């Protein structure tokens, strides 16, 4: 069985297609799919679809960095009661994202620190969104080394050197998705050097569909394509990728 460690089946892009996409994933051998939280606007929808598919979906809780502004603390306060109402497998997706600008850098850093502490308090892994903020993220995990964090670097795009630096300050896996199949992405060389026991499979659906579906709606049924690409890069059987990455996900998220 495969596990897709990062999905958004509640996203409006799926429309009425989410339930059918989940069924296709199960048929393709993807037995578990983890949904990443974004903010209070979409959280109800995430749990609703999770309740419709309790045997196949698991949920996270967290405040996405792109949703952070001067009112971030109110968003944190809004998510806290959900930990008592629902079983969750991670604090995520959280992190730093400066791609659209640096208006709320201070707030993003503070929200990340608070959510690191929350994850440690709840004994949960973190699911990290990181874009154009590598140096600040490394500084953040270094400052949080005393928390002994464990987690997943979603949509992994760091250099091998940066990953090794981050790994000095916690127990970090990398989430590999459709980008690894892109011809000019450059991710393949890094994946070749990262041990398989540190790799998780993900889609980030409905975004970042792998080749040959690039440019179309992504879904968890495409996880075997990502696994096949990793197997090709590493020169190992795809069954090995399936078995090891599934075991990695089970251990990290305690599935």
Protein backbone atom coordinates (compact mmCIF):
# COMPACT_ATOMS: atom_id res chain seq x y z
CA UNK A 1 0.00 0.00 0.00
CA UNK A 2 1.09 3.55 -0.75
CA UNK A 3 0.53 6.55 1.53
CA UNK A 4 0.09 10.06 0.14
CA UNK A 5 1.44 12.29 2.90
CA UNK A 6 0.15 15.64 1.63
CA UNK A 7 -3.25 16.33 0.04
CA UNK A 8 -6.03 18.93 -0.04
CA UNK A 9 -9.20 17.09 -1.04
CA UNK A 10 -11.29 19.89 0.43
CA UNK A 11 -9.84 22.37 -2.08
CA UNK A 12 -12.44 24.05 -4.28
CA UNK A 13 -10.48 22.97 -7.36
CA UNK A 14 -11.81 19.44 -6.87
CA UNK A 15 -15.40 20.61 -6.94
CA UNK A 16 -17.64 17.54 -6.96
CA UNK A 17 -14.73 15.32 -8.02
CA UNK A 18 -13.04 14.82 -4.62
CA UNK A 19 -14.90 11.66 -3.60
CA UNK A 20 -14.33 10.05 -6.99
CA UNK A 21 -10.63 11.00 -6.86
CA UNK A 22 -10.30 9.34 -3.45
CA UNK A 23 -11.91 6.19 -4.84
CA UNK A 24 -9.47 6.20 -7.77
CA UNK A 25 -6.58 6.53 -5.35
CA UNK A 26 -7.69 3.51 -3.35
CA UNK A 27 -8.07 1.53 -6.56
CA UNK A 28 -4.50 2.54 -7.51
CA UNK A 29 -3.19 1.17 -4.21
CA UNK A 30 -3.03 4.39 -2.19
CA UNK A 31 -4.73 3.33 1.02
CA UNK A 32 -4.09 6.38 3.17
CA UNK A 33 -4.08 10.08 2.32
CA UNK A 34 -3.12 12.83 4.78
CA UNK A 35 -4.80 16.21 4.45
CA UNK A 36 -2.81 19.34 5.31
CA UNK A 37 -4.61 22.18 7.06
CA UNK A 38 -4.39 25.80 5.82
CA UNK A 39 -6.49 28.10 7.99
CA UNK A 40 -9.92 28.59 9.57
CA UNK A 41 -11.61 29.33 6.25
CA UNK A 42 -11.17 25.78 4.95
CA UNK A 43 -10.86 23.73 8.14
CA UNK A 44 -14.54 22.76 8.40
CA UNK A 45 -14.49 21.50 4.83
CA UNK A 46 -11.35 19.47 5.50
CA UNK A 47 -12.90 17.65 8.43
CA UNK A 48 -16.20 17.11 6.60
CA UNK A 49 -14.56 15.18 3.80
CA UNK A 50 -12.37 13.44 6.35
CA UNK A 51 -15.50 12.21 8.12
CA UNK A 52 -16.87 10.90 4.83
CA UNK A 53 -13.74 8.80 4.29
CA UNK A 54 -12.48 7.86 7.77
CA UNK A 55 -10.82 4.68 6.54
CA UNK A 56 -8.66 6.52 3.98
CA UNK A 57 -8.17 10.14 5.13
CA UNK A 58 -6.26 11.56 8.08
CA UNK A 59 -6.05 15.26 8.99
CA UNK A 60 -3.44 17.73 10.22
CA UNK A 61 -3.93 21.04 12.02
CA UNK A 62 -1.86 24.14 11.41
CA UNK A 63 -1.66 27.68 10.11
CA UNK A 64 -0.19 27.94 6.61
CA UNK A 65 2.43 30.70 6.27
CA UNK A 66 0.64 32.27 3.31
CA UNK A 67 -2.38 32.83 5.55
CA UNK A 68 -0.42 34.75 8.17
CA UNK A 69 -0.91 38.47 8.75
CA UNK A 70 -1.13 40.70 11.82
CA UNK A 71 -4.07 38.60 13.10
CA UNK A 72 -2.16 35.32 13.13
CA UNK A 73 -2.62 34.79 16.86
CA UNK A 74 -6.40 34.73 16.41
CA UNK A 75 -5.96 32.00 13.82
CA UNK A 76 -3.83 29.97 16.22
CA UNK A 77 -6.46 30.40 18.93
CA UNK A 78 -9.12 29.19 16.48
CA UNK A 79 -7.31 25.95 15.67
CA UNK A 80 -6.49 24.94 19.25
CA UNK A 81 -9.96 23.56 20.17
CA UNK A 82 -9.82 21.19 17.20
CA UNK A 83 -7.08 19.19 18.91
CA UNK A 84 -9.66 18.20 21.52
CA UNK A 85 -12.43 17.50 19.00
CA UNK A 86 -10.61 15.54 16.30
CA UNK A 87 -7.75 13.05 16.01
CA UNK A 88 -4.91 14.63 14.04
CA UNK A 89 -1.62 13.19 12.81
CA UNK A 90 0.56 16.32 12.56
CA UNK A 91 0.86 20.06 13.02
CA UNK A 92 0.82 21.34 9.46
CA UNK A 93 1.16 22.66 7.04
CA UNK A 94 3.25 25.31 8.74
CA UNK A 95 6.46 27.07 7.79
CA UNK A 96 7.87 30.11 6.03
CA UNK A 97 7.03 31.49 2.59
CA UNK A 98 8.56 34.73 1.30
CA UNK A 99 7.75 34.09 -2.37
CA UNK A 100 4.92 36.63 -2.49
CA UNK A 101 6.77 39.20 -0.39
CA UNK A 102 8.14 39.89 3.06
CA UNK A 103 5.41 42.01 4.59
CA UNK A 104 4.80 39.52 7.41
CA UNK A 105 8.21 37.94 7.94
CA UNK A 106 8.18 38.73 11.67
CA UNK A 107 4.70 37.26 12.08
CA UNK A 108 5.58 34.13 10.10
CA UNK A 109 8.63 33.48 12.25
CA UNK A 110 6.68 33.94 15.46
CA UNK A 111 3.81 31.74 14.29
CA UNK A 112 6.28 29.04 13.31
CA UNK A 113 7.95 29.18 16.73
CA UNK A 114 4.59 28.90 18.49
CA UNK A 115 3.54 25.95 16.33
CA UNK A 116 6.87 24.20 16.87
CA UNK A 117 6.20 24.45 20.59
CA UNK A 118 2.63 23.23 20.07
CA UNK A 119 3.85 20.17 18.18
CA UNK A 120 6.31 19.34 20.95
CA UNK A 121 3.58 19.76 23.56
CA UNK A 122 1.22 17.46 21.63
CA UNK A 123 4.01 15.02 20.69
CA UNK A 124 3.13 15.39 17.01
CA UNK A 125 5.32 15.71 13.92
CA UNK A 126 5.31 18.90 11.87
CA UNK A 127 4.59 19.20 8.16
CA UNK A 128 6.64 22.04 6.70
CA UNK A 129 5.91 24.38 3.80
CA UNK A 130 9.09 26.25 2.88
CA UNK A 131 9.61 28.65 -0.02
CA UNK A 132 12.32 31.26 -0.54
CA UNK A 133 13.16 31.30 3.17
CA UNK A 134 15.78 28.59 3.67
CA UNK A 135 18.21 30.57 5.85
CA UNK A 136 15.48 31.74 8.22
CA UNK A 137 14.04 28.22 8.45
CA UNK A 138 17.41 26.73 9.33
CA UNK A 139 17.78 29.41 12.01
CA UNK A 140 14.30 28.54 13.32
CA UNK A 141 14.96 24.80 13.61
CA UNK A 142 18.31 25.52 15.23
CA UNK A 143 16.58 27.67 17.84
CA UNK A 144 14.05 24.85 18.36
CA UNK A 145 16.62 22.06 18.67
CA UNK A 146 15.72 21.61 22.34
CA UNK A 147 12.20 20.55 21.25
CA UNK A 148 13.56 17.49 19.42
CA UNK A 149 11.22 18.04 16.50
CA UNK A 150 10.36 15.38 13.97
CA UNK A 151 8.68 16.13 10.70
CA UNK A 152 8.39 16.28 6.96
CA UNK A 153 9.76 18.90 4.57
CA UNK A 154 6.80 18.99 2.22
CA UNK A 155 7.37 19.61 -1.50
CA UNK A 156 11.07 19.24 -0.85
CA UNK A 157 13.27 21.65 -2.79
CA UNK A 158 16.33 22.27 -0.63
CA UNK A 159 19.88 21.52 -1.67
CA UNK A 160 21.48 18.40 -0.25
CA UNK A 161 23.69 20.60 1.93
CA UNK A 162 20.71 22.52 3.33
CA UNK A 163 18.87 19.29 4.12
CA UNK A 164 21.88 17.96 5.98
CA UNK A 165 22.09 21.22 7.94
CA UNK A 166 18.40 21.09 8.87
CA UNK A 167 18.82 17.44 9.90
CA UNK A 168 21.36 18.47 12.54
CA UNK A 169 18.49 20.03 14.51
CA UNK A 170 15.72 17.46 14.28
CA UNK A 171 14.47 14.25 12.74
CA UNK A 172 13.51 15.27 9.21
CA UNK A 173 11.98 13.39 6.29
CA UNK A 174 11.50 14.83 2.81
CA UNK A 175 8.24 14.82 0.86
CA UNK A 176 8.78 14.01 -2.82
CA UNK A 177 5.98 14.70 -5.26
CA UNK A 178 5.30 15.30 -8.91
CA UNK A 179 8.11 17.83 -9.33
CA UNK A 180 10.61 14.95 -9.35
CA UNK A 181 9.16 13.89 -12.72
CA UNK A 182 9.65 17.33 -14.31
CA UNK A 183 12.41 17.31 -16.91
CA UNK A 184 14.24 20.46 -15.80
CA UNK A 185 13.44 20.51 -12.08
CA UNK A 186 16.89 19.35 -10.93
CA UNK A 187 15.36 17.51 -7.98
CA UNK A 188 16.39 14.09 -9.28
CA UNK A 189 20.06 14.61 -8.43
CA UNK A 190 19.22 15.48 -4.84
CA UNK A 191 16.79 12.56 -4.48
CA UNK A 192 19.54 10.24 -5.67
CA UNK A 193 21.64 11.25 -2.65
CA UNK A 194 18.95 11.21 0.04
CA UNK A 195 18.52 7.83 1.76
CA UNK A 196 15.27 6.07 0.91
CA UNK A 197 14.47 5.73 4.60
CA UNK A 198 14.10 9.54 4.69
CA UNK A 199 11.71 9.84 1.74
CA UNK A 200 7.93 10.19 1.86
CA UNK A 201 5.61 10.21 -1.15
CA UNK A 202 3.12 13.04 -1.66
CA UNK A 203 1.05 14.75 -4.33
CA UNK A 204 -0.02 18.10 -2.81
CA UNK A 205 -3.15 17.45 -4.85
CA UNK A 206 -4.88 19.17 -6.57
CA UNK A 207 -1.55 20.90 -7.38
CA UNK A 208 1.73 19.82 -9.04
CA UNK A 209 0.57 16.81 -11.03
CA UNK A 210 3.41 14.57 -12.24
CA UNK A 211 4.30 13.88 -15.86
CA UNK A 212 2.37 12.86 -17.96
CA UNK A 213 -0.48 14.72 -16.19
CA UNK A 214 1.41 17.97 -15.65
CA UNK A 215 -0.85 20.99 -16.02
CA UNK A 216 -3.94 19.05 -15.02
CA UNK A 217 -5.66 18.38 -11.70
CA UNK A 218 -3.47 16.26 -9.47
CA UNK A 219 -4.76 13.36 -7.35
CA UNK A 220 -3.39 10.62 -5.13
CA UNK A 221 -3.91 7.97 -7.80
CA UNK A 222 -0.71 9.34 -9.39
CA UNK A 223 1.47 8.37 -6.41
CA UNK A 224 2.69 5.21 -8.23
CA UNK A 225 4.12 7.45 -10.98
CA UNK A 226 6.19 9.32 -8.39
CA UNK A 227 7.32 6.05 -6.82
CA UNK A 228 8.34 4.72 -10.23
CA UNK A 229 10.46 7.82 -10.90
CA UNK A 230 12.23 7.49 -7.55
CA UNK A 231 12.85 3.80 -8.25
CA UNK A 232 14.36 4.74 -11.61
CA UNK A 233 16.59 7.41 -10.06
CA UNK A 234 17.87 5.04 -7.40
CA UNK A 235 18.02 1.92 -9.57
CA UNK A 236 15.85 -0.14 -7.23
CA UNK A 237 12.52 -1.99 -7.62
CA UNK A 238 9.42 0.16 -7.32
CA UNK A 239 8.11 -2.34 -4.76
CA UNK A 240 11.01 -1.34 -2.52
CA UNK A 241 10.08 2.33 -2.82
CA UNK A 242 6.48 1.47 -1.97
CA UNK A 243 7.39 -0.62 1.08
CA UNK A 244 10.01 1.72 2.54
CA UNK A 245 8.16 5.00 2.01
CA UNK A 246 4.98 3.52 3.48
CA UNK A 247 6.93 2.36 6.51
CA UNK A 248 8.51 5.82 6.80
CA UNK A 249 5.07 7.47 6.80
CA UNK A 250 3.65 5.03 9.33
CA UNK A 251 6.54 5.69 11.71
CA UNK A 252 6.55 9.49 11.38
CA UNK A 253 2.79 10.01 11.62
CA UNK A 254 2.12 6.97 13.85
CA UNK A 255 -0.45 5.61 11.43
